């Protein structure tokens, strides 16, 4: 389930960044630069999130849960 969650999280970061960029474009008339910037910020945030998750999974293994 961890791998599916990473994919959903990655896609949602990109989608949210794009939507925020489109909103900025509509308010400031900067089309398409806000959407492009939002997409790139979302892509970067998603890549960092997946990178952290992969690093955590590789250190503790996919079947082991994090202790609280």
C-alpha atoms as a PDB file:
ATOM      1  CA  UNK A   1       0.000   0.000   0.000  1.00  0.00           C
ATOM      2  CA  UNK A   2       2.950   2.342   0.550  1.00  0.00           C
ATOM      3  CA  UNK A   3       3.836   2.454  -3.131  1.00  0.00           C
ATOM      4  CA  UNK A   4       0.290   3.310  -4.186  1.00  0.00           C
ATOM      5  CA  UNK A   5       0.166   6.055  -1.578  1.00  0.00           C
ATOM      6  CA  UNK A   6       3.409   7.535  -2.909  1.00  0.00           C
ATOM      7  CA  UNK A   7       1.964   7.693  -6.423  1.00  0.00           C
ATOM      8  CA  UNK A   8      -1.248   9.342  -5.215  1.00  0.00           C
ATOM      9  CA  UNK A   9       0.726  11.826  -3.122  1.00  0.00           C
ATOM     10  CA  UNK A  10       3.032  12.661  -6.044  1.00  0.00           C
ATOM     11  CA  UNK A  11       0.110  13.247  -8.410  1.00  0.00           C
ATOM     12  CA  UNK A  12      -1.791  15.323  -5.858  1.00  0.00           C
ATOM     13  CA  UNK A  13       1.205  17.605  -5.236  1.00  0.00           C
ATOM     14  CA  UNK A  14       1.432  18.257  -8.969  1.00  0.00           C
ATOM     15  CA  UNK A  15      -2.320  18.791  -9.304  1.00  0.00           C
ATOM     16  CA  UNK A  16      -2.569  21.141  -6.357  1.00  0.00           C
ATOM     17  CA  UNK A  17       0.412  23.157  -7.572  1.00  0.00           C
ATOM     18  CA  UNK A  18      -1.123  23.467 -11.030  1.00  0.00           C
ATOM     19  CA  UNK A  19      -4.530  24.509  -9.681  1.00  0.00           C
ATOM     20  CA  UNK A  20      -2.966  27.147  -7.442  1.00  0.00           C
ATOM     21  CA  UNK A  21      -0.992  28.403 -10.445  1.00  0.00           C
ATOM     22  CA  UNK A  22      -4.139  28.658 -12.565  1.00  0.00           C
ATOM     23  CA  UNK A  23      -5.825  30.572  -9.740  1.00  0.00           C
ATOM     24  CA  UNK A  24      -2.898  32.992  -9.601  1.00  0.00           C
ATOM     25  CA  UNK A  25      -3.127  33.392 -13.377  1.00  0.00           C
ATOM     26  CA  UNK A  26      -6.827  34.222 -13.186  1.00  0.00           C
ATOM     27  CA  UNK A  27      -6.277  36.864 -10.505  1.00  0.00           C
ATOM     28  CA  UNK A  28      -3.199  38.526 -11.993  1.00  0.00           C
ATOM     29  CA  UNK A  29      -3.553  37.887 -15.729  1.00  0.00           C
ATOM     30  CA  UNK A  30      -0.181  36.161 -16.026  1.00  0.00           C
ATOM     31  CA  UNK A  31      -1.373  33.242 -18.127  1.00  0.00           C
ATOM     32  CA  UNK A  32       0.365  30.666 -18.551  1.00  0.00           C
ATOM     33  CA  UNK A  33       3.275  31.506 -16.229  1.00  0.00           C
ATOM     34  CA  UNK A  34       1.463  30.945 -12.942  1.00  0.00           C
ATOM     35  CA  UNK A  35       0.234  27.519 -14.045  1.00  0.00           C
ATOM     36  CA  UNK A  36       3.724  26.587 -15.215  1.00  0.00           C
ATOM     37  CA  UNK A  37       5.313  27.784 -11.984  1.00  0.00           C
ATOM     38  CA  UNK A  38       2.679  25.976  -9.914  1.00  0.00           C
ATOM     39  CA  UNK A  39       3.259  22.781 -11.886  1.00  0.00           C
ATOM     40  CA  UNK A  40       7.018  22.998 -11.349  1.00  0.00           C
ATOM     41  CA  UNK A  41       6.655  23.724  -7.636  1.00  0.00           C
ATOM     42  CA  UNK A  42       4.242  20.782  -7.307  1.00  0.00           C
ATOM     43  CA  UNK A  43       6.600  18.542  -9.260  1.00  0.00           C
ATOM     44  CA  UNK A  44       9.487  19.501  -6.986  1.00  0.00           C
ATOM     45  CA  UNK A  45       7.452  19.008  -3.813  1.00  0.00           C
ATOM     46  CA  UNK A  46       6.180  15.654  -5.062  1.00  0.00           C
ATOM     47  CA  UNK A  47       9.664  14.477  -5.983  1.00  0.00           C
ATOM     48  CA  UNK A  48      10.999  15.462  -2.551  1.00  0.00           C
ATOM     49  CA  UNK A  49       8.130  13.671  -0.843  1.00  0.00           C
ATOM     50  CA  UNK A  50       8.620  10.486  -2.856  1.00  0.00           C
ATOM     51  CA  UNK A  51      12.369  10.671  -2.294  1.00  0.00           C
ATOM     52  CA  UNK A  52      11.873  10.854   1.480  1.00  0.00           C
ATOM     53  CA  UNK A  53       9.373   7.986   1.412  1.00  0.00           C
ATOM     54  CA  UNK A  54      11.666   5.776  -0.678  1.00  0.00           C
ATOM     55  CA  UNK A  55      14.563   6.539   1.637  1.00  0.00           C
ATOM     56  CA  UNK A  56      12.449   5.604   4.666  1.00  0.00           C
ATOM     57  CA  UNK A  57      11.203   2.402   3.021  1.00  0.00           C
ATOM     58  CA  UNK A  58      14.710   1.376   2.001  1.00  0.00           C
ATOM     59  CA  UNK A  59      16.015   1.810   5.553  1.00  0.00           C
ATOM     60  CA  UNK A  60      13.289  -0.051   7.403  1.00  0.00           C
ATOM     61  CA  UNK A  61      11.844  -2.324   4.699  1.00  0.00           C
ATOM     62  CA  UNK A  62       8.386  -2.349   3.084  1.00  0.00           C
ATOM     63  CA  UNK A  63       6.694  -4.710   5.570  1.00  0.00           C
ATOM     64  CA  UNK A  64       7.709  -2.957   8.761  1.00  0.00           C
ATOM     65  CA  UNK A  65       5.731  -0.103  10.211  1.00  0.00           C
ATOM     66  CA  UNK A  66       7.103   2.987  11.837  1.00  0.00           C
ATOM     67  CA  UNK A  67       7.035   2.851  15.626  1.00  0.00           C
ATOM     68  CA  UNK A  68       5.199   5.590  17.450  1.00  0.00           C
END
